[in-house]
Amino acid sequence: MSEIQPVYGMFNLREKRELAKASYEYIMKDVNDMKTNAIRFGFHLMECKENKYYEDYGFNNFYEFIEKNWRLGKST
């Protein structure tokens, strides 16, 4: 895995501290995890809707099921 290369601004440029570098790397990992999780999340929602798993929980409507359980609207 190659080292992550940040984009630098020009305002108050100073020597990079190790904790700043570690923080940046943690944030990049979190961003990549969010991308992966978003794909997984979408797959699970699609699977639930297509297989009508929401009916097992007493809902006739998929969107009502996700709204009541996770406060997610139809646009999400």
PDB file of N, CA and C in Angstrom:
ATOM      1  N   MET A   1       0.850  -1.180   0.000  1.00  0.00           N
ATOM      2  CA  MET A   1       0.000   0.000   0.000  1.00  0.00           C
ATOM      3  C   MET A   1       0.885   1.229   0.000  1.00  0.00           C
ATOM      4  N   SER A   2       0.627   2.151  -0.909  1.00  0.00           N
ATOM      5  CA  SER A   2       1.441   3.359  -0.980  1.00  0.00           C
ATOM      6  C   SER A   2       1.038   4.343   0.107  1.00  0.00           C
ATOM      7  N   GLU A   3       1.982   5.194   0.455  1.00  0.00           N
ATOM      8  CA  GLU A   3       1.723   6.184   1.496  1.00  0.00           C
ATOM      9  C   GLU A   3       0.718   7.203   0.989  1.00  0.00           C
ATOM     10  N   ILE A   4      -0.171   7.608   1.851  1.00  0.00           N
ATOM     11  CA  ILE A   4      -1.187   8.593   1.508  1.00  0.00           C
ATOM     12  C   ILE A   4      -0.513   9.954   1.385  1.00  0.00           C
ATOM     13  N   GLN A   5      -0.789  10.657   0.292  1.00  0.00           N
ATOM     14  CA  GLN A   5      -0.195  11.967   0.053  1.00  0.00           C
ATOM     15  C   GLN A   5      -1.268  13.043   0.195  1.00  0.00           C
ATOM     16  N   PRO A   6      -1.197  13.850   1.250  1.00  0.00           N
ATOM     17  CA  PRO A   6      -2.196  14.899   1.441  1.00  0.00           C
ATOM     18  C   PRO A   6      -1.978  16.064   0.475  1.00  0.00           C
ATOM     19  N   VAL A   7      -3.019  16.836   0.289  1.00  0.00           N
ATOM     20  CA  VAL A   7      -2.942  18.082  -0.464  1.00  0.00           C
ATOM     21  C   VAL A   7      -2.668  19.182   0.549  1.00  0.00           C
ATOM     22  N   TYR A   8      -1.680  20.010   0.260  1.00  0.00           N
ATOM     23  CA  TYR A   8      -1.292  21.075   1.184  1.00  0.00           C
ATOM     24  C   TYR A   8      -1.808  22.423   0.713  1.00  0.00           C
ATOM     25  N   GLY A   9      -2.191  23.265   1.684  1.00  0.00           N
ATOM     26  CA  GLY A   9      -2.526  24.649   1.405  1.00  0.00           C
ATOM     27  C   GLY A   9      -1.287  25.508   1.650  1.00  0.00           C
ATOM     28  N   MET A  10      -1.397  26.796   1.495  1.00  0.00           N
ATOM     29  CA  MET A  10      -0.255  27.687   1.675  1.00  0.00           C
ATOM     30  C   MET A  10      -0.325  28.483   2.976  1.00  0.00           C
ATOM     31  N   PHE A  11      -1.434  28.441   3.682  1.00  0.00           N
ATOM     32  CA  PHE A  11      -1.622  29.245   4.874  1.00  0.00           C
ATOM     33  C   PHE A  11      -0.887  28.633   6.059  1.00  0.00           C
ATOM     34  N   ASN A  12       0.023  29.387   6.663  1.00  0.00           N
ATOM     35  CA  ASN A  12       0.766  28.975   7.863  1.00  0.00           C
ATOM     36  C   ASN A  12       1.386  27.588   7.729  1.00  0.00           C
ATOM     37  N   LEU A  13       2.018  27.330   6.609  1.00  0.00           N
ATOM     38  CA  LEU A  13       2.662  26.045   6.388  1.00  0.00           C
ATOM     39  C   LEU A  13       3.792  25.854   7.392  1.00  0.00           C
ATOM     40  N   ARG A  14       3.801  24.729   8.072  1.00  0.00           N
ATOM     41  CA  ARG A  14       4.830  24.456   9.074  1.00  0.00           C
ATOM     42  C   ARG A  14       5.235  22.994   8.973  1.00  0.00           C
ATOM     43  N   GLU A  15       6.238  22.646   9.731  1.00  0.00           N
ATOM     44  CA  GLU A  15       6.699  21.263   9.739  1.00  0.00           C
ATOM     45  C   GLU A  15       5.578  20.358  10.242  1.00  0.00           C
ATOM     46  N   LYS A  16       5.391  19.250   9.529  1.00  0.00           N
ATOM     47  CA  LYS A  16       4.301  18.320   9.862  1.00  0.00           C
ATOM     48  C   LYS A  16       4.652  17.534  11.120  1.00  0.00           C
ATOM     49  N   ARG A  17       3.739  17.519  12.080  1.00  0.00           N
ATOM     50  CA  ARG A  17       3.910  16.735  13.305  1.00  0.00           C
ATOM     51  C   ARG A  17       3.455  15.304  13.066  1.00  0.00           C
ATOM     52  N   GLU A  18       4.031  14.365  13.777  1.00  0.00           N
ATOM     53  CA  GLU A  18       3.663  12.948  13.623  1.00  0.00           C
ATOM     54  C   GLU A  18       2.193  12.709  13.950  1.00  0.00           C
ATOM     55  N   LEU A  19       1.679  13.395  14.980  1.00  0.00           N
ATOM     56  CA  LEU A  19       0.266  13.199  15.326  1.00  0.00           C
ATOM     57  C   LEU A  19      -0.652  13.739  14.238  1.00  0.00           C
ATOM     58  N   ALA A  20      -0.223  14.799  13.560  1.00  0.00           N
ATOM     59  CA  ALA A  20      -1.021  15.330  12.448  1.00  0.00           C
ATOM     60  C   ALA A  20      -1.059  14.323  11.314  1.00  0.00           C
ATOM     61  N   LYS A  21       0.082  13.709  11.037  1.00  0.00           N
ATOM     62  CA  LYS A  21       0.151  12.692   9.984  1.00  0.00           C
ATOM     63  C   LYS A  21      -0.740  11.502  10.347  1.00  0.00           C
ATOM     64  N   ALA A  22      -0.670  11.049  11.594  1.00  0.00           N
ATOM     65  CA  ALA A  22      -1.492   9.917  12.032  1.00  0.00           C
ATOM     66  C   ALA A  22      -2.978  10.258  11.930  1.00  0.00           C
ATOM     67  N   SER A  23      -3.325  11.468  12.305  1.00  0.00           N
ATOM     68  CA  SER A  23      -4.720  11.898  12.239  1.00  0.00           C
ATOM     69  C   SER A  23      -5.218  11.869  10.799  1.00  0.00           C
ATOM     70  N   TYR A  24      -4.407  12.379   9.885  1.00  0.00           N
ATOM     71  CA  TYR A  24      -4.770  12.386   8.478  1.00  0.00           C
ATOM     72  C   TYR A  24      -4.986  10.959   7.967  1.00  0.00           C
ATOM     73  N   GLU A  25      -4.104  10.066   8.336  1.00  0.00           N
ATOM     74  CA  GLU A  25      -4.213   8.678   7.890  1.00  0.00           C
ATOM     75  C   GLU A  25      -5.459   7.998   8.459  1.00  0.00           C
ATOM     76  N   TYR A  26      -5.801   8.291   9.714  1.00  0.00           N
ATOM     77  CA  TYR A  26      -7.030   7.740  10.299  1.00  0.00           C
ATOM     78  C   TYR A  26      -8.259   8.248   9.551  1.00  0.00           C
ATOM     79  N   ILE A  27      -8.244   9.537   9.216  1.00  0.00           N
ATOM     80  CA  ILE A  27      -9.381  10.115   8.488  1.00  0.00           C
ATOM     81  C   ILE A  27      -9.512   9.463   7.118  1.00  0.00           C
ATOM     82  N   MET A  28      -8.393   9.260   6.417  1.00  0.00           N
ATOM     83  CA  MET A  28      -8.439   8.608   5.105  1.00  0.00           C
ATOM     84  C   MET A  28      -8.985   7.191   5.220  1.00  0.00           C
ATOM     85  N   LYS A  29      -8.592   6.463   6.247  1.00  0.00           N
ATOM     86  CA  LYS A  29      -9.112   5.114   6.459  1.00  0.00           C
ATOM     87  C   LYS A  29     -10.611   5.160   6.695  1.00  0.00           C
ATOM     88  N   ASP A  30     -11.058   6.124   7.511  1.00  0.00           N
ATOM     89  CA  ASP A  30     -12.491   6.262   7.782  1.00  0.00           C
ATOM     90  C   ASP A  30     -13.268   6.574   6.507  1.00  0.00           C
ATOM     91  N   VAL A  31     -12.717   7.441   5.648  1.00  0.00           N
ATOM     92  CA  VAL A  31     -13.379   7.772   4.382  1.00  0.00           C
ATOM     93  C   VAL A  31     -13.503   6.522   3.514  1.00  0.00           C
ATOM     94  N   ASN A  32     -12.430   5.762   3.430  1.00  0.00           N
ATOM     95  CA  ASN A  32     -12.482   4.530   2.638  1.00  0.00           C
ATOM     96  C   ASN A  32     -13.464   3.524   3.225  1.00  0.00           C
ATOM     97  N   ASP A  33     -13.519   3.433   4.560  1.00  0.00           N
ATOM     98  CA  ASP A  33     -14.483   2.545   5.208  1.00  0.00           C
ATOM     99  C   ASP A  33     -15.911   2.980   4.914  1.00  0.00           C
ATOM    100  N   MET A  34     -16.155   4.309   4.892  1.00  0.00           N
ATOM    101  CA  MET A  34     -17.501   4.805   4.601  1.00  0.00           C
ATOM    102  C   MET A  34     -17.917   4.412   3.190  1.00  0.00           C
ATOM    103  N   LYS A  35     -16.994   4.480   2.242  1.00  0.00           N
ATOM    104  CA  LYS A  35     -17.311   4.087   0.871  1.00  0.00           C
ATOM    105  C   LYS A  35     -17.704   2.614   0.823  1.00  0.00           C
ATOM    106  N   THR A  36     -16.911   1.776   1.476  1.00  0.00           N
ATOM    107  CA  THR A  36     -17.200   0.344   1.515  1.00  0.00           C
ATOM    108  C   THR A  36     -18.518   0.076   2.213  1.00  0.00           C
ATOM    109  N   ASN A  37     -18.720   0.732   3.348  1.00  0.00           N
ATOM    110  CA  ASN A  37     -19.944   0.515   4.108  1.00  0.00           C
ATOM    111  C   ASN A  37     -21.174   1.020   3.369  1.00  0.00           C
ATOM    112  N   ALA A  38     -21.036   2.094   2.594  1.00  0.00           N
ATOM    113  CA  ALA A  38     -22.173   2.613   1.835  1.00  0.00           C
ATOM    114  C   ALA A  38     -22.626   1.593   0.797  1.00  0.00           C
ATOM    115  N   ILE A  39     -21.672   0.949   0.158  1.00  0.00           N
ATOM    116  CA  ILE A  39     -22.014  -0.078  -0.836  1.00  0.00           C
ATOM    117  C   ILE A  39     -22.691  -1.259  -0.157  1.00  0.00           C
ATOM    118  N   ARG A  40     -22.139  -1.694   0.961  1.00  0.00           N
ATOM    119  CA  ARG A  40     -22.714  -2.811   1.716  1.00  0.00           C
ATOM    120  C   ARG A  40     -24.114  -2.451   2.216  1.00  0.00           C
ATOM    121  N   PHE A  41     -24.260  -1.236   2.734  1.00  0.00           N
ATOM    122  CA  PHE A  41     -25.540  -0.748   3.242  1.00  0.00           C
ATOM    123  C   PHE A  41     -26.596  -0.773   2.132  1.00  0.00           C
ATOM    124  N   GLY A  42     -26.228  -0.271   0.960  1.00  0.00           N
ATOM    125  CA  GLY A  42     -27.162  -0.272  -0.167  1.00  0.00           C
ATOM    126  C   GLY A  42     -27.567  -1.674  -0.579  1.00  0.00           C
ATOM    127  N   PHE A  43     -26.609  -2.573  -0.585  1.00  0.00           N
ATOM    128  CA  PHE A  43     -26.914  -3.966  -0.925  1.00  0.00           C
ATOM    129  C   PHE A  43     -27.919  -4.553   0.054  1.00  0.00           C
ATOM    130  N   HIS A  44     -27.710  -4.331   1.343  1.00  0.00           N
ATOM    131  CA  HIS A  44     -28.614  -4.908   2.344  1.00  0.00           C
ATOM    132  C   HIS A  44     -30.013  -4.295   2.264  1.00  0.00           C
ATOM    133  N   LEU A  45     -30.083  -2.995   1.997  1.00  0.00           N
ATOM    134  CA  LEU A  45     -31.403  -2.381   1.826  1.00  0.00           C
ATOM    135  C   LEU A  45     -32.123  -2.971   0.612  1.00  0.00           C
ATOM    136  N   MET A  46     -31.398  -3.118  -0.492  1.00  0.00           N
ATOM    137  CA  MET A  46     -31.990  -3.682  -1.710  1.00  0.00           C
ATOM    138  C   MET A  46     -32.477  -5.112  -1.464  1.00  0.00           C
ATOM    139  N   GLU A  47     -31.657  -5.898  -0.774  1.00  0.00           N
ATOM    140  CA  GLU A  47     -32.021  -7.274  -0.463  1.00  0.00           C
ATOM    141  C   GLU A  47     -33.287  -7.323   0.396  1.00  0.00           C
ATOM    142  N   CYS A  48     -33.355  -6.460   1.396  1.00  0.00           N
ATOM    143  CA  CYS A  48     -34.528  -6.405   2.280  1.00  0.00           C
ATOM    144  C   CYS A  48     -35.782  -6.044   1.492  1.00  0.00           C
ATOM    145  N   LYS A  49     -35.640  -5.057   0.607  1.00  0.00           N
ATOM    146  CA  LYS A  49     -36.794  -4.616  -0.183  1.00  0.00           C
ATOM    147  C   LYS A  49     -37.234  -5.690  -1.171  1.00  0.00           C
ATOM    148  N   GLU A  50     -36.299  -6.253  -1.921  1.00  0.00           N
ATOM    149  CA  GLU A  50     -36.638  -7.236  -2.954  1.00  0.00           C
ATOM    150  C   GLU A  50     -37.240  -8.512  -2.380  1.00  0.00           C
ATOM    151  N   ASN A  51     -36.777  -8.918  -1.217  1.00  0.00           N
ATOM    152  CA  ASN A  51     -37.282 -10.144  -0.586  1.00  0.00           C
ATOM    153  C   ASN A  51     -38.428  -9.893   0.380  1.00  0.00           C
ATOM    154  N   LYS A  52     -38.823  -8.634   0.490  1.00  0.00           N
ATOM    155  CA  LYS A  52     -39.927  -8.211   1.356  1.00  0.00           C
ATOM    156  C   LYS A  52     -39.728  -8.674   2.804  1.00  0.00           C
ATOM    157  N   TYR A  53     -38.485  -8.590   3.275  1.00  0.00           N
ATOM    158  CA  TYR A  53     -38.194  -8.966   4.658  1.00  0.00           C
ATOM    159  C   TYR A  53     -38.917  -8.067   5.658  1.00  0.00           C
ATOM    160  N   TYR A  54     -39.236  -6.855   5.250  1.00  0.00           N
ATOM    161  CA  TYR A  54     -39.947  -5.922   6.133  1.00  0.00           C
ATOM    162  C   TYR A  54     -41.302  -6.471   6.556  1.00  0.00           C
ATOM    163  N   GLU A  55     -41.894  -7.336   5.745  1.00  0.00           N
ATOM    164  CA  GLU A  55     -43.183  -7.932   6.102  1.00  0.00           C
ATOM    165  C   GLU A  55     -43.053  -8.834   7.330  1.00  0.00           C
ATOM    166  N   ASP A  56     -41.870  -9.423   7.533  1.00  0.00           N
ATOM    167  CA  ASP A  56     -41.633 -10.258   8.714  1.00  0.00           C
ATOM    168  C   ASP A  56     -41.702  -9.440  10.004  1.00  0.00           C
ATOM    169  N   TYR A  57     -41.588  -8.126   9.863  1.00  0.00           N
ATOM    170  CA  TYR A  57     -41.643  -7.230  11.019  1.00  0.00           C
ATOM    171  C   TYR A  57     -42.969  -6.491  11.110  1.00  0.00           C
ATOM    172  N   GLY A  58     -43.934  -6.915  10.315  1.00  0.00           N
ATOM    173  CA  GLY A  58     -45.278  -6.369  10.401  1.00  0.00           C
ATOM    174  C   GLY A  58     -45.514  -5.117   9.582  1.00  0.00           C
ATOM    175  N   PHE A  59     -44.671  -4.838   8.606  1.00  0.00           N
ATOM    176  CA  PHE A  59     -44.847  -3.662   7.758  1.00  0.00           C
ATOM    177  C   PHE A  59     -45.279  -4.090   6.364  1.00  0.00           C
ATOM    178  N   ASN A  60     -46.193  -3.314   5.790  1.00  0.00           N
ATOM    179  CA  ASN A  60     -46.620  -3.543   4.415  1.00  0.00           C
ATOM    180  C   ASN A  60     -45.781  -2.732   3.438  1.00  0.00           C
ATOM    181  N   ASN A  61     -45.007  -1.777   3.969  1.00  0.00           N
ATOM    182  CA  ASN A  61     -44.268  -0.849   3.135  1.00  0.00           C
ATOM    183  C   ASN A  61     -42.800  -0.801   3.569  1.00  0.00           C
ATOM    184  N   PHE A  62     -41.891  -1.018   2.641  1.00  0.00           N
ATOM    185  CA  PHE A  62     -40.455  -1.003   2.919  1.00  0.00           C
ATOM    186  C   PHE A  62     -40.004   0.341   3.481  1.00  0.00           C
ATOM    187  N   TYR A  63     -40.466   1.431   2.873  1.00  0.00           N
ATOM    188  CA  TYR A  63     -40.023   2.763   3.299  1.00  0.00           C
ATOM    189  C   TYR A  63     -40.488   3.104   4.707  1.00  0.00           C
ATOM    190  N   GLU A  64     -41.665   2.650   5.053  1.00  0.00           N
ATOM    191  CA  GLU A  64     -42.147   2.852   6.422  1.00  0.00           C
ATOM    192  C   GLU A  64     -41.281   2.053   7.402  1.00  0.00           C
ATOM    193  N   PHE A  65     -40.898   0.856   7.008  1.00  0.00           N
ATOM    194  CA  PHE A  65     -40.035   0.011   7.835  1.00  0.00           C
ATOM    195  C   PHE A  65     -38.698   0.691   8.138  1.00  0.00           C
ATOM    196  N   ILE A  66     -38.031   1.216   7.103  1.00  0.00           N
ATOM    197  CA  ILE A  66     -36.730   1.847   7.357  1.00  0.00           C
ATOM    198  C   ILE A  66     -36.875   3.182   8.078  1.00  0.00           C
ATOM    199  N   GLU A  67     -37.976   3.879   7.844  1.00  0.00           N
ATOM    200  CA  GLU A  67     -38.213   5.142   8.554  1.00  0.00           C
ATOM    201  C   GLU A  67     -38.424   4.883  10.047  1.00  0.00           C
ATOM    202  N   LYS A  68     -39.233   3.905  10.381  1.00  0.00           N
ATOM    203  CA  LYS A  68     -39.528   3.613  11.789  1.00  0.00           C
ATOM    204  C   LYS A  68     -38.346   3.015  12.530  1.00  0.00           C
ATOM    205  N   ASN A  69     -37.533   2.227  11.865  1.00  0.00           N
ATOM    206  CA  ASN A  69     -36.415   1.568  12.531  1.00  0.00           C
ATOM    207  C   ASN A  69     -35.131   2.388  12.557  1.00  0.00           C
ATOM    208  N   TRP A  70     -34.864   3.139  11.482  1.00  0.00           N
ATOM    209  CA  TRP A  70     -33.580   3.839  11.384  1.00  0.00           C
ATOM    210  C   TRP A  70     -33.695   5.319  11.067  1.00  0.00           C
ATOM    211  N   ARG A  71     -34.939   5.816  11.031  1.00  0.00           N
ATOM    212  CA  ARG A  71     -35.187   7.230  10.735  1.00  0.00           C
ATOM    213  C   ARG A  71     -34.561   7.664   9.406  1.00  0.00           C
ATOM    214  N   LEU A  72     -34.642   6.787   8.422  1.00  0.00           N
ATOM    215  CA  LEU A  72     -34.145   7.079   7.088  1.00  0.00           C
ATOM    216  C   LEU A  72     -35.306   7.338   6.175  1.00  0.00           C
ATOM    217  N   GLY A  73     -35.250   8.433   5.442  1.00  0.00           N
ATOM    218  CA  GLY A  73     -36.321   8.771   4.509  1.00  0.00           C
ATOM    219  C   GLY A  73     -36.158   8.082   3.179  1.00  0.00           C
ATOM    220  N   LYS A  74     -37.160   8.216   2.347  1.00  0.00           N
ATOM    221  CA  LYS A  74     -37.163   7.575   1.040  1.00  0.00           C
ATOM    222  C   LYS A  74     -36.016   8.073   0.169  1.00  0.00           C
ATOM    223  N   SER A  75     -35.650   9.323   0.301  1.00  0.00           N
ATOM    224  CA  SER A  75     -34.556   9.876  -0.519  1.00  0.00           C
ATOM    225  C   SER A  75     -33.194   9.316  -0.128  1.00  0.00           C
ATOM    226  N   THR A  76     -33.053   8.830   1.108  1.00  0.00           N
ATOM    227  CA  THR A  76     -31.794   8.249   1.543  1.00  0.00           C
ATOM    228  C   THR A  76     -31.544   6.958   0.836  1.00  0.00           C
TER     229      THR A  76
END
